[in-house]
Amino acid sequence: MSRRGDWVYENNGGTCVAIAGADYCVVAADTRLSTGYSIYTRDYSKICKLADKCVLASSGFQGDIKALQKNLSARHLIYQHQHNKQMSCPAMAQLLSNTLYYKRFFPYYAFNVLGGLDNEGKGCVFTYDAVGSYERVGYSSQGSGSTLIMPVLDNQLKSPSPLLLPAKDSVTPLSEMEAVDLVKDVFASATERDIYTGDKLEIVIINASGIQHEFMELRKD
C-alpha cells in the first residue's frame, strides 16, 4: 500500500449489491481488487459468511475490511459460547453498527451491505456508512459502481417510502430467480462504465435450505 504523508487509507474498488425477498436474500459482489489503474488480483472474494443465515459484502480498503471481518467473527464466537446459538441477522446488523461506530474517529474504510434471513425467515438487507449509521432496506448497493447500479434498482424495485403509514414491508416483490437475473444484469451494465468493477461476479443466495454460490464472468478490461 502506498502511504502519502499521514494518509493510511486506499480504496481498492469493487461493487456490492444485496436484494431481500419474501423468503430469500441475494448478496453479490465482483472479484476485482485494484487501485488506480493497477489490478492486484482478478479473483478476490468481497463476501464473508458471518453466520449460517447472514453474509457481509464489503468494498473499500481491503486491509480494514479484513480487520473488521476478523473482529466480527471473534465477537460472534464469543456470542455462541455465551448463548449456545448463532447470532440472528438483525443482531449481527446491530453488532456491525456498534463496531463501526466504536472506531468513528479513525474509521474502518469499509462500506458494507449485510444480507440474510431474519427470525421469521424473511429476507433482510442492512446498508451502512463508514461510521455505523445503518438502515434496513429491501435492496442496496455499495462501492465504486453503486452510483450506476442504484438508479436501476430504484427503477425496477421501487422501495416504498419509509414515511408512508402504515409502514410497508421493505422486501422486494421479485422471485428468487428474478432477483438473481436482475443482479447479473446490473453488474453487466456497471462493468461497462466502472473500471474498478469486473472480472467475475460472485452471487450468494440465502434461503431456508442454506447458502448457495453462483458465479458469472464479467468483462476483464
Protein backbone atom coordinates (compact mmCIF):
# COMPACT_ATOMS: atom_id res chain seq x y z
CA MET A 1 0.00 0.00 0.00
CA SER A 2 1.36 3.40 -0.93
CA ARG A 3 1.42 5.79 2.01
CA ARG A 4 1.26 9.52 1.25
CA GLY A 5 2.18 11.51 4.36
CA ASP A 6 -0.24 10.53 7.12
CA TRP A 7 -2.89 9.20 4.70
CA VAL A 8 -3.17 5.49 5.52
CA TYR A 9 -6.29 4.61 3.52
CA GLU A 10 -6.65 3.32 -0.01
CA ASN A 11 -9.77 2.45 -1.96
CA ASN A 12 -9.46 -0.97 -3.61
CA GLY A 13 -12.67 -0.54 -5.60
CA GLY A 14 -15.34 -3.11 -6.31
CA THR A 15 -19.11 -3.15 -6.01
CA CYS A 16 -21.57 -4.98 -3.73
CA VAL A 17 -25.33 -5.48 -4.14
CA ALA A 18 -27.96 -7.12 -1.93
CA ILE A 19 -31.67 -7.78 -2.56
CA ALA A 20 -34.11 -9.12 0.04
CA GLY A 21 -37.21 -11.13 -0.90
CA ALA A 22 -40.09 -12.74 0.98
CA ASP A 23 -38.08 -15.88 1.86
CA TYR A 24 -34.60 -15.30 0.42
CA CYS A 25 -31.74 -12.83 0.20
CA VAL A 26 -29.31 -12.40 -2.69
CA VAL A 27 -25.89 -10.86 -1.97
CA ALA A 28 -23.42 -10.29 -4.81
CA ALA A 29 -20.03 -8.67 -5.42
CA ASP A 30 -17.42 -8.61 -8.15
CA THR A 31 -13.99 -10.16 -7.60
CA ARG A 32 -11.65 -7.44 -8.91
CA LEU A 33 -9.15 -5.97 -6.41
CA SER A 34 -7.39 -2.89 -7.73
CA THR A 35 -6.02 0.55 -7.02
CA GLY A 36 -5.75 3.35 -9.54
CA TYR A 37 -5.01 1.77 -12.92
CA SER A 38 -3.41 -1.36 -11.41
CA ILE A 39 -5.25 -4.65 -10.82
CA TYR A 40 -3.84 -6.61 -7.86
CA THR A 41 -5.93 -9.74 -8.49
CA ARG A 42 -8.95 -10.76 -10.55
CA ASP A 43 -10.22 -13.40 -8.12
CA TYR A 44 -10.74 -11.82 -4.68
CA SER A 45 -13.97 -12.53 -2.79
CA LYS A 46 -15.57 -9.49 -1.13
CA ILE A 47 -18.25 -11.62 0.57
CA CYS A 48 -17.76 -13.04 4.08
CA LYS A 49 -20.07 -15.57 5.75
CA LEU A 50 -20.64 -14.43 9.34
CA ALA A 51 -23.35 -16.93 10.36
CA ASP A 52 -25.44 -19.70 8.78
CA LYS A 53 -28.02 -17.17 7.52
CA CYS A 54 -26.01 -13.95 7.43
CA VAL A 55 -23.33 -12.74 4.99
CA LEU A 56 -21.40 -9.49 4.71
CA ALA A 57 -20.30 -7.86 1.45
CA SER A 58 -17.81 -5.01 1.75
CA SER A 59 -16.00 -2.61 -0.53
CA GLY A 60 -13.35 -0.01 0.30
CA PHE A 61 -9.88 -0.59 1.78
CA GLN A 62 -9.38 -4.35 1.99
CA GLY A 63 -6.92 -4.13 4.90
CA ASP A 64 -9.60 -2.52 7.07
CA ILE A 65 -12.25 -4.91 5.75
CA LYS A 66 -10.18 -7.96 6.75
CA ALA A 67 -9.66 -6.49 10.24
CA LEU A 68 -13.41 -5.81 10.52
CA GLN A 69 -14.31 -9.35 9.43
CA LYS A 70 -11.90 -10.87 11.98
CA ASN A 71 -13.35 -8.64 14.72
CA LEU A 72 -16.95 -9.66 13.88
CA SER A 73 -16.02 -13.36 13.68
CA ALA A 74 -14.35 -13.23 17.12
CA ARG A 75 -17.34 -11.46 18.68
CA HIS A 76 -19.71 -13.96 17.07
CA LEU A 77 -17.69 -16.85 18.51
CA ILE A 78 -17.95 -15.31 22.00
CA TYR A 79 -21.72 -14.90 21.49
CA GLN A 80 -22.06 -18.57 20.50
CA HIS A 81 -20.17 -19.72 23.63
CA GLN A 82 -22.30 -17.49 25.87
CA HIS A 83 -25.74 -18.15 24.33
CA ASN A 84 -25.31 -21.60 22.75
CA LYS A 85 -26.78 -20.40 19.44
CA GLN A 86 -25.81 -18.37 16.40
CA MET A 87 -26.49 -14.67 16.17
CA SER A 88 -29.53 -13.65 14.10
CA CYS A 89 -29.05 -11.35 11.11
CA PRO A 90 -30.69 -8.28 12.81
CA ALA A 91 -28.48 -8.86 15.88
CA MET A 92 -25.40 -9.09 13.66
CA ALA A 93 -26.52 -5.85 11.98
CA GLN A 94 -26.55 -4.07 15.34
CA LEU A 95 -23.16 -5.56 16.25
CA LEU A 96 -21.67 -4.32 12.97
CA SER A 97 -23.12 -0.85 13.59
CA ASN A 98 -21.63 -0.75 17.12
CA THR A 99 -18.25 -1.99 15.86
CA LEU A 100 -18.07 0.69 13.15
CA TYR A 101 -19.25 3.46 15.48
CA TYR A 102 -16.65 2.50 18.11
CA LYS A 103 -13.96 3.33 15.51
CA ARG A 104 -15.63 6.53 14.28
CA PHE A 105 -12.62 8.79 15.00
CA PHE A 106 -10.27 6.55 12.97
CA PRO A 107 -12.86 4.60 10.96
CA TYR A 108 -12.69 1.34 9.10
CA TYR A 109 -12.61 2.48 5.46
CA ALA A 110 -15.29 -0.09 4.64
CA PHE A 111 -18.69 0.32 3.02
CA ASN A 112 -20.83 -2.64 3.97
CA VAL A 113 -24.02 -4.42 2.94
CA LEU A 114 -25.26 -7.13 5.31
CA GLY A 115 -27.79 -9.65 4.00
CA GLY A 116 -29.55 -12.73 5.31
CA LEU A 117 -32.77 -14.04 6.84
CA ASP A 118 -34.39 -12.64 9.98
CA ASN A 119 -36.06 -14.64 12.79
CA GLU A 120 -39.27 -15.00 10.74
CA GLY A 121 -37.42 -16.36 7.70
CA LYS A 122 -37.88 -13.15 5.68
CA GLY A 123 -35.03 -11.70 3.66
CA CYS A 124 -33.32 -8.69 5.20
CA VAL A 125 -30.72 -6.24 3.92
CA PHE A 126 -28.89 -3.67 6.04
CA THR A 127 -26.88 -0.87 4.45
CA TYR A 128 -24.15 1.13 6.21
CA ASP A 129 -21.93 4.15 6.01
CA ALA A 130 -18.32 4.03 7.24
CA VAL A 131 -19.16 5.05 10.83
CA GLY A 132 -22.03 2.69 11.63
CA SER A 133 -25.22 4.51 10.62
CA TYR A 134 -27.45 1.77 9.19
CA GLU A 135 -30.92 1.09 7.86
CA ARG A 136 -32.95 -1.99 6.97
CA VAL A 137 -33.93 -1.81 3.30
CA GLY A 138 -35.25 -4.06 0.55
CA TYR A 139 -32.15 -3.63 -1.63
CA SER A 140 -28.87 -1.75 -1.55
CA SER A 141 -25.56 -1.25 -3.32
CA GLN A 142 -22.16 -0.07 -2.08
CA GLY A 143 -18.82 0.55 -3.74
CA SER A 144 -17.38 2.16 -6.83
CA GLY A 145 -20.23 1.06 -9.13
CA SER A 146 -23.09 1.84 -6.73
CA THR A 147 -23.92 5.16 -8.42
CA LEU A 148 -24.54 3.24 -11.65
CA ILE A 149 -26.47 0.37 -10.06
CA MET A 150 -28.75 2.10 -7.52
CA PRO A 151 -30.81 4.07 -10.11
CA VAL A 152 -31.57 0.82 -11.95
CA LEU A 153 -32.60 -0.94 -8.71
CA ASP A 154 -34.75 2.07 -7.73
CA ASN A 155 -36.46 1.96 -11.11
CA GLN A 156 -37.06 -1.81 -11.07
CA LEU A 157 -37.90 -2.38 -7.39
CA LYS A 158 -39.48 0.93 -6.25
CA SER A 159 -38.99 0.67 -2.50
CA PRO A 160 -41.94 2.13 -0.53
CA SER A 161 -41.28 5.42 1.26
CA PRO A 162 -40.46 4.99 4.97
CA LEU A 163 -42.76 7.99 5.61
CA LEU A 164 -45.87 6.09 4.45
CA LEU A 165 -48.29 4.96 7.15
CA PRO A 166 -48.99 2.20 7.84
CA ALA A 167 -45.39 1.11 7.23
CA LYS A 168 -44.94 -1.14 4.20
CA ASP A 169 -42.73 -4.23 4.15
CA SER A 170 -39.32 -3.44 2.65
CA VAL A 171 -38.86 -6.81 0.90
CA THR A 172 -38.93 -6.80 -2.89
CA PRO A 173 -41.72 -8.46 -4.91
CA LEU A 174 -39.35 -10.46 -7.15
CA SER A 175 -38.94 -14.22 -7.06
CA GLU A 176 -35.53 -15.62 -6.20
CA MET A 177 -34.59 -16.35 -9.82
CA GLU A 178 -35.78 -12.90 -10.97
CA ALA A 179 -33.62 -11.26 -8.29
CA VAL A 180 -30.56 -13.26 -9.39
CA ASP A 181 -31.18 -12.30 -13.04
CA LEU A 182 -31.54 -8.62 -12.07
CA VAL A 183 -28.24 -8.73 -10.14
CA LYS A 184 -26.49 -10.24 -13.17
CA ASP A 185 -27.92 -7.53 -15.43
CA VAL A 186 -26.94 -4.58 -13.22
CA PHE A 187 -23.38 -5.88 -12.81
CA ALA A 188 -23.00 -6.47 -16.55
CA SER A 189 -24.08 -2.85 -17.08
CA ALA A 190 -21.89 -1.34 -14.33
CA THR A 191 -18.83 -3.21 -15.63
CA GLU A 192 -19.15 -1.35 -18.94
CA ARG A 193 -18.50 2.02 -17.28
CA ASP A 194 -16.67 1.39 -13.98
CA ILE A 195 -13.02 0.36 -14.34
CA TYR A 196 -12.88 -0.86 -10.70
CA THR A 197 -15.68 -3.42 -11.23
CA GLY A 198 -15.20 -6.53 -13.34
CA ASP A 199 -13.58 -9.93 -13.95
CA LYS A 200 -16.11 -12.18 -12.19
CA LEU A 201 -19.38 -11.89 -10.27
CA GLU A 202 -19.89 -13.90 -7.07
CA ILE A 203 -23.54 -14.39 -6.08
CA VAL A 204 -24.61 -15.79 -2.70
CA ILE A 205 -28.24 -16.91 -2.30
CA ILE A 206 -29.51 -17.37 1.27
CA ASN A 207 -32.82 -19.19 1.81
CA ALA A 208 -34.39 -21.74 4.15
CA SER A 209 -32.31 -24.57 2.67
CA GLY A 210 -29.00 -22.79 3.33
CA ILE A 211 -26.46 -20.83 1.27
CA GLN A 212 -25.73 -21.39 -2.42
CA HIS A 213 -22.97 -19.81 -4.53
CA GLU A 214 -23.12 -18.85 -8.20
CA PHE A 215 -20.51 -17.25 -10.44
CA MET A 216 -20.73 -15.31 -13.69
CA GLU A 217 -17.91 -13.99 -15.86
CA LEU A 218 -17.69 -10.21 -16.36
CA ARG A 219 -15.55 -8.26 -18.82
CA LYS A 220 -11.87 -8.22 -17.94
CA ASP A 221 -10.69 -4.88 -19.33
